[in-house]
Structure formats: structure tokens, C-alpha cells
Amino acid sequence: MKDYIREIETALERYLPEGEYEEQKLIDAVRYSLHLKGKRVRPSLTIAFAELCGTTVEMAMPFACAVEMVHTYSLIHDDLPCMDNDDFRRGKPSNHKVYGEDIALLAGDALQSIAYETMLSDEAIATVGGERAAKAARILANRSGLLGMVGGQVIDLSLEHRTVGAEIVQLMEEKKTACLIEAACMMGCVVAGAAEEQIKAAERYAHAIGLAFQIVDDILDVTSTAEELGKPIGSDAENEKNTFMSLLGIDRCREMVAELTEEAIRALDAFDGDTADLKDFAVRLANRKK
């Protein structure tokens, strides 16, 4: 799946405006965060499921880029002082530390708009058809919006200085983290014209690895270093946040990661194609160190 990353990097640049504009500072801010070297997990999954269901990288690419744009906008906003107040992202200064809070806020807004413009472009519709493009866009809107990723962030804010049970933390992370990964995987199936059974299986796979991804993040916030992660560590404990680690401890967290990884692998039984890379991907996410 590393091959996808190079193509995603090239395609992301293609969807940004070229030339000089009065809004150039905003464009620069968008480009800054979009090209911070992340793992590109979500767009890679969109492409992987699209290929698994019988379509090409080229057909899936606008939708893969759209997922990454929405993810990037959420990171810009998460780092703002009114949210998590983080000064670094992926080893570099956060967007608001470089461009100011006002431009960072607008850069996030702009990225969300560009994402839908990309999915519903003439190119995308001509390639996959209007019905599939609209369905994919609707999935992304649903999973990233009021009752999805944004809703999860609201739950997160509401839990500050409160102690709650693990079930509330899980609900928060299902929305805040897993929902966008679900969108990525489901959209890959949709643009390929997959059956509903396979779309649901992709959702189950994504839900499992999304939760596992967040639990590993919670573990690394305690056990890793800022140099390894490229962002501050220990902030969860410092801010008295409810996390899987604070509520369940490291042993149970590691058990849950293993259980969720097995659940993800079982979900892939719904597909006839070669799922070895996706199985390996789930295992590597569970064992990652950064």
C-alpha cells in the first residue's frame, strides 16, 4: 500500500488552485497542512477497497483525496487553542502557529469545501457516474458531520473535567475516529459498485481498526516519546482526559487491540479478492510505534 501514498501526494496537489490569488495566504495554509507527511491511512483504504471490489486507482483517487482533505481539516481545527491547543502536528508547527488562528480556521473550512468539490467534479462524475459519486459524498458527509466525527469532538469537549465510564469513551472514539475510517472504506466499495453486503463488511473492518487505532494512540501517549510521535505526549493525563488507558489500563487496552484486529480480519471474509494487504494493514496498525 506504500505505492498508493506517492500517487495520493501527487493527486492532492492537483486539486489545489494554481497561480497567484488574493487569497494566496489561505491557499498556502491549506497546502501546508495537506502536505505534512502523514500516514495517509484513510485515502489508502479508499483505494484499497476500490481495487478489491474491481475498480482502478484512478477512479477512486478523487474520493481518496476528499477523505484526506476532510481528515486534514479536522486536524487543523483540533489543534486550535479552543480545542486541543497543540503547537505541533507531525513534527512541525501546527497550522495556527504558522498562519495564525484566523487563517487556520479558514483553512479547515476551505479544505472541507474542496473535498466535496473534488468528489463531485466533472472528472469524478464522468469516471464513476453521478449516482455513485453522490452516494460516496453522502457517506462522507454523514460520517464526518453532526452525528459522526464532529459529534465525537463535541462529546470529547463535554467530558472535560468529568470522569465517565469506558462505554462513553468508546462512543466518543467511534464517532471521532472510527467514523471517518468507515467512510474511507465504504466509499471505496461504493465507487466500485460493490454489493451492499460488501459495503457493510468494509464498515465493520473500518470500525474495528478505527477503534484499535485510537486505543493504540492512547497507549502511545503514555509509552512513547514526542520525538517518535512527532507531537506532544502526556497531554491526555495532563488535561485529565478520559481515555481507554486511564480507564482500563495497558493490559486490557492491548487485549482490546488484539480482539479488534481479529474482528477486522474476519470482516474481510465477505470479499472474493485478495485481502492479504488489508489483513496485514490491520496488524501493522495494531503494532505501530508512531
Protein backbone atom coordinates (compact mmCIF):
# COMPACT_ATOMS: atom_id res chain seq x y z
CA MET A 1 0.00 0.00 0.00
CA LYS A 2 3.02 2.31 0.09
CA ASP A 3 2.58 2.67 -3.69
CA TYR A 4 -0.72 4.47 -3.07
CA ILE A 5 0.94 7.16 -0.96
CA ARG A 6 3.08 8.51 -3.79
CA GLU A 7 0.06 8.75 -6.08
CA ILE A 8 -2.06 10.36 -3.35
CA GLU A 9 0.60 13.03 -2.73
CA THR A 10 0.65 13.93 -6.43
CA ALA A 11 -3.13 13.95 -6.74
CA LEU A 12 -3.67 16.15 -3.68
CA GLU A 13 -1.57 18.89 -5.24
CA ARG A 14 -3.53 18.59 -8.49
CA TYR A 15 -6.77 19.54 -6.73
CA LEU A 16 -5.39 22.78 -5.26
CA PRO A 17 -5.55 26.13 -7.13
CA GLU A 18 -2.53 27.10 -9.19
CA GLY A 19 -1.14 30.58 -9.76
CA GLU A 20 -1.34 33.76 -7.70
CA TYR A 21 -4.55 34.80 -5.95
CA GLU A 22 -5.57 37.45 -3.45
CA GLU A 23 -6.33 34.52 -1.16
CA GLN A 24 -2.79 33.15 -1.53
CA LYS A 25 -2.12 33.08 2.22
CA LEU A 26 -5.14 30.84 2.67
CA ILE A 27 -4.04 28.57 -0.18
CA ASP A 28 -0.57 28.36 1.36
CA ALA A 29 -2.09 27.41 4.73
CA VAL A 30 -4.18 24.67 3.10
CA ARG A 31 -1.16 23.34 1.23
CA TYR A 32 0.99 23.44 4.39
CA SER A 33 -1.23 21.08 6.36
CA LEU A 34 -2.26 18.93 3.42
CA HIS A 35 1.37 18.13 2.68
CA LEU A 36 2.58 17.48 6.21
CA LYS A 37 3.79 13.91 5.91
CA GLY A 38 1.13 11.75 7.46
CA LYS A 39 0.48 8.04 7.12
CA ARG A 40 -2.34 8.61 4.57
CA VAL A 41 -4.25 5.76 6.18
CA ARG A 42 -7.72 6.88 5.12
CA PRO A 43 -7.13 7.57 1.41
CA SER A 44 -5.07 4.40 1.11
CA LEU A 45 -8.01 2.42 2.47
CA THR A 46 -10.40 4.05 -0.01
CA ILE A 47 -8.18 2.95 -2.87
CA ALA A 48 -7.54 -0.50 -1.42
CA PHE A 49 -11.26 -1.30 -1.10
CA ALA A 50 -11.98 0.16 -4.53
CA GLU A 51 -9.37 -2.12 -6.08
CA LEU A 52 -10.59 -5.09 -4.03
CA CYS A 53 -14.08 -4.51 -5.46
CA GLY A 54 -12.82 -4.33 -9.04
CA THR A 55 -12.11 -0.72 -9.97
CA THR A 56 -8.90 1.25 -10.54
CA VAL A 57 -6.74 3.61 -8.51
CA GLU A 58 -7.57 6.43 -10.95
CA MET A 59 -11.32 6.03 -10.47
CA ALA A 60 -11.01 6.03 -6.69
CA MET A 61 -8.46 8.84 -6.40
CA PRO A 62 -10.80 11.88 -6.19
CA PHE A 63 -12.67 10.20 -3.35
CA ALA A 64 -9.48 9.14 -1.59
CA CYS A 65 -8.20 12.72 -1.74
CA ALA A 66 -11.52 14.03 -0.45
CA VAL A 67 -11.25 11.82 2.65
CA GLU A 68 -7.72 13.09 3.30
CA MET A 69 -8.87 16.70 2.90
CA VAL A 70 -11.63 16.23 5.47
CA HIS A 71 -9.20 14.48 7.81
CA THR A 72 -6.69 17.32 7.41
CA TYR A 73 -9.30 19.98 8.11
CA SER A 74 -10.23 18.15 11.32
CA LEU A 75 -6.59 18.11 12.43
CA ILE A 76 -6.20 21.84 11.82
CA HIS A 77 -9.27 22.55 13.91
CA ASP A 78 -8.33 20.02 16.60
CA ASP A 79 -5.01 21.80 17.16
CA LEU A 80 -6.60 25.22 17.70
CA PRO A 81 -6.38 26.79 21.19
CA CYS A 82 -10.16 26.49 21.59
CA MET A 83 -9.89 22.72 21.07
CA ASP A 84 -6.81 20.65 21.98
CA ASN A 85 -4.38 23.60 21.88
CA ASP A 86 -1.49 21.64 20.34
CA ASP A 87 1.50 23.54 18.97
CA PHE A 88 2.87 20.67 16.86
CA ARG A 89 1.48 18.27 14.29
CA ARG A 90 3.51 15.51 12.62
CA GLY A 91 6.72 17.02 13.96
CA LYS A 92 6.02 20.50 12.53
CA PRO A 93 4.36 23.60 13.99
CA SER A 94 0.57 23.41 13.88
CA ASN A 95 -1.18 25.44 11.21
CA HIS A 96 -2.26 28.17 13.62
CA LYS A 97 1.30 28.58 14.90
CA VAL A 98 2.45 29.35 11.35
CA TYR A 99 -0.50 31.26 9.87
CA GLY A 100 -2.46 32.45 12.90
CA GLU A 101 -5.70 31.22 14.39
CA ASP A 102 -7.92 33.09 11.92
CA ILE A 103 -6.29 31.70 8.78
CA ALA A 104 -6.04 28.21 10.31
CA LEU A 105 -9.77 28.21 11.00
CA LEU A 106 -10.50 29.29 7.43
CA ALA A 107 -8.03 26.76 6.00
CA GLY A 108 -10.01 23.99 7.69
CA ASP A 109 -13.25 25.40 6.31
CA ALA A 110 -11.77 25.62 2.82
CA LEU A 111 -10.48 22.05 2.88
CA GLN A 112 -13.95 20.75 3.66
CA SER A 113 -15.36 22.62 0.66
CA ILE A 114 -12.56 21.45 -1.64
CA ALA A 115 -13.23 17.85 -0.60
CA TYR A 116 -16.82 17.94 -1.88
CA GLU A 117 -15.82 19.92 -4.97
CA THR A 118 -13.30 17.15 -5.74
CA MET A 119 -15.78 14.28 -5.28
CA LEU A 120 -18.47 15.99 -7.33
CA SER A 121 -16.20 17.33 -10.07
CA ASP A 122 -16.88 16.65 -13.74
CA GLU A 123 -13.88 14.31 -13.70
CA ALA A 124 -15.18 12.21 -10.82
CA ILE A 125 -18.74 12.01 -12.15
CA ALA A 126 -17.56 11.12 -15.65
CA THR A 127 -15.44 8.32 -14.20
CA VAL A 128 -17.76 6.66 -11.69
CA GLY A 129 -21.17 8.11 -12.54
CA GLY A 130 -23.29 10.66 -10.75
CA GLU A 131 -25.17 8.17 -8.58
CA ARG A 132 -22.04 6.56 -7.12
CA ALA A 133 -20.32 9.93 -6.66
CA ALA A 134 -23.35 11.29 -4.80
CA LYS A 135 -23.62 8.20 -2.59
CA ALA A 136 -19.93 8.39 -1.70
CA ALA A 137 -20.22 12.10 -0.90
CA ARG A 138 -23.27 11.44 1.26
CA ILE A 139 -21.39 8.78 3.23
CA LEU A 140 -18.51 11.17 3.87
CA ALA A 141 -20.89 13.94 4.92
CA ASN A 142 -22.71 11.61 7.31
CA ARG A 143 -19.62 10.11 8.91
CA SER A 144 -17.76 13.42 9.26
CA GLY A 145 -20.66 15.58 10.39
CA LEU A 146 -23.10 16.21 13.21
CA LEU A 147 -23.56 12.61 14.36
CA GLY A 148 -20.12 11.46 13.20
CA MET A 149 -16.65 12.95 13.59
CA VAL A 150 -17.80 16.44 14.61
CA GLY A 151 -20.29 14.99 17.06
CA GLY A 152 -17.50 12.93 18.56
CA GLN A 153 -15.46 16.07 19.11
CA VAL A 154 -18.40 17.66 20.91
CA ILE A 155 -18.67 14.62 23.20
CA ASP A 156 -14.93 14.93 23.83
CA LEU A 157 -15.30 18.58 24.85
CA SER A 158 -18.25 17.75 27.10
CA LEU A 159 -16.17 15.22 29.04
CA GLU A 160 -13.54 17.72 30.19
CA HIS A 161 -13.03 17.56 33.97
CA ARG A 162 -15.58 14.75 34.25
CA THR A 163 -14.99 11.08 34.93
CA VAL A 164 -17.11 8.73 32.83
CA GLY A 165 -17.21 5.03 32.01
CA ALA A 166 -15.41 3.26 29.20
CA GLU A 167 -18.65 2.92 27.21
CA ILE A 168 -18.90 6.70 26.81
CA VAL A 169 -15.25 6.93 25.77
CA GLN A 170 -15.87 4.19 23.22
CA LEU A 171 -18.89 6.04 21.82
CA MET A 172 -16.82 9.20 21.55
CA GLU A 173 -14.00 7.43 19.72
CA GLU A 174 -16.38 5.55 17.43
CA LYS A 175 -17.62 8.92 16.25
CA LYS A 176 -14.45 11.00 16.49
CA THR A 177 -12.01 8.48 14.99
CA ALA A 178 -13.70 5.37 13.58
CA CYS A 179 -16.42 7.15 11.60
CA LEU A 180 -14.06 8.77 9.11
CA ILE A 181 -12.19 5.49 8.58
CA GLU A 182 -15.56 3.82 7.98
CA ALA A 183 -16.34 6.46 5.35
CA ALA A 184 -13.00 5.86 3.64
CA CYS A 185 -13.52 2.11 3.32
CA MET A 186 -17.20 2.28 2.39
CA MET A 187 -16.56 4.93 -0.27
CA GLY A 188 -14.02 2.67 -1.96
CA CYS A 189 -16.68 -0.03 -2.25
CA VAL A 190 -19.35 2.41 -3.43
CA VAL A 191 -17.32 3.92 -6.28
CA ALA A 192 -16.58 0.36 -7.47
CA GLY A 193 -20.27 -0.55 -7.48
CA ALA A 194 -19.91 -3.22 -4.77
CA ALA A 195 -22.86 -5.06 -3.27
CA GLU A 196 -24.44 -3.81 -0.05
CA GLU A 197 -23.07 -6.84 1.82
CA GLN A 198 -19.53 -5.81 0.92
CA ILE A 199 -20.13 -2.18 1.88
CA LYS A 200 -21.32 -3.36 5.30
CA ALA A 201 -18.28 -5.64 5.63
CA ALA A 202 -15.99 -2.70 4.82
CA GLU A 203 -17.79 -0.71 7.52
CA ARG A 204 -17.16 -3.49 10.08
CA TYR A 205 -13.49 -3.71 9.11
CA ALA A 206 -13.10 0.05 9.41
CA HIS A 207 -14.97 0.27 12.71
CA ALA A 208 -12.66 -2.34 14.23
CA ILE A 209 -9.38 -0.87 13.00
CA GLY A 210 -10.61 2.65 13.82
CA LEU A 211 -11.17 1.78 17.45
CA ALA A 212 -7.92 -0.20 17.58
CA PHE A 213 -6.11 2.79 16.03
CA GLN A 214 -7.36 5.09 18.78
CA ILE A 215 -6.57 2.66 21.60
CA VAL A 216 -3.02 2.38 20.25
CA ASP A 217 -2.87 6.20 20.18
CA ASP A 218 -3.87 6.26 23.85
CA ILE A 219 -1.17 3.69 24.67
CA LEU A 220 1.49 5.64 22.76
CA ASP A 221 0.54 8.88 24.51
CA VAL A 222 1.74 7.19 27.70
CA THR A 223 4.56 4.95 26.49
CA SER A 224 6.16 6.77 23.54
CA THR A 225 8.23 9.95 23.16
CA ALA A 226 7.46 13.26 21.45
CA GLU A 227 10.33 12.61 19.01
CA GLU A 228 8.86 9.26 17.96
CA LEU A 229 5.29 10.53 17.57
CA GLY A 230 6.02 13.95 16.11
CA LYS A 231 3.57 15.55 18.56
CA PRO A 232 3.39 16.22 22.31
CA ILE A 233 2.86 13.23 24.60
CA GLY A 234 1.29 13.00 28.03
CA SER A 235 -1.29 15.65 27.17
CA ASP A 236 -4.18 13.29 27.91
CA ALA A 237 -3.09 12.81 31.52
CA GLU A 238 -2.11 16.47 31.89
CA ASN A 239 -5.57 17.55 30.72
CA GLU A 240 -7.27 14.86 32.82
CA LYS A 241 -8.90 13.38 29.74
CA ASN A 242 -10.91 10.17 29.81
CA THR A 243 -9.09 7.64 27.66
CA PHE A 244 -9.06 3.88 27.26
CA MET A 245 -5.71 3.85 29.06
CA SER A 246 -6.86 5.92 32.04
CA LEU A 247 -10.00 3.81 32.47
CA LEU A 248 -8.88 0.29 31.54
CA GLY A 249 -5.09 0.15 31.91
CA ILE A 250 -2.45 -1.01 29.48
CA ASP A 251 -3.08 -4.78 29.67
CA ARG A 252 -6.80 -4.53 28.84
CA CYS A 253 -6.05 -1.97 26.14
CA ARG A 254 -3.64 -4.34 24.45
CA GLU A 255 -6.20 -7.16 24.69
CA MET A 256 -8.82 -4.95 23.03
CA VAL A 257 -6.45 -4.05 20.20
CA ALA A 258 -5.84 -7.76 19.53
CA GLU A 259 -9.59 -8.55 19.63
CA LEU A 260 -10.46 -5.69 17.29
CA THR A 261 -7.73 -6.65 14.85
CA GLU A 262 -9.14 -10.19 14.65
CA GLU A 263 -12.62 -8.75 14.14
CA ALA A 264 -11.33 -6.64 11.23
CA ILE A 265 -9.67 -9.64 9.62
CA ARG A 266 -12.88 -11.71 9.89
CA ALA A 267 -14.87 -8.94 8.18
CA LEU A 268 -12.74 -9.38 5.05
CA ASP A 269 -14.23 -12.86 4.50
CA ALA A 270 -17.07 -11.12 2.62
CA PHE A 271 -14.72 -10.33 -0.28
CA ASP A 272 -13.65 -12.73 -3.03
CA GLY A 273 -10.46 -10.90 -3.95
CA ASP A 274 -7.01 -10.92 -2.36
CA THR A 275 -7.33 -9.33 1.09
CA ALA A 276 -3.79 -10.11 2.28
CA ASP A 277 -2.67 -6.47 2.18
CA LEU A 278 -5.70 -5.30 4.15
CA LYS A 279 -5.16 -8.02 6.76
CA ASP A 280 -1.51 -7.05 7.04
CA PHE A 281 -2.53 -3.39 7.26
CA ALA A 282 -4.76 -4.11 10.27
CA VAL A 283 -1.95 -5.99 12.01
CA ARG A 284 0.61 -3.24 11.32
CA LEU A 285 -1.74 -0.54 12.64
CA ALA A 286 -2.15 -2.56 15.84
CA ASN A 287 1.61 -2.87 16.25
CA ARG A 288 2.66 0.63 15.20
CA LYS A 289 5.09 2.67 17.31
CA LYS A 290 4.14 6.12 16.00
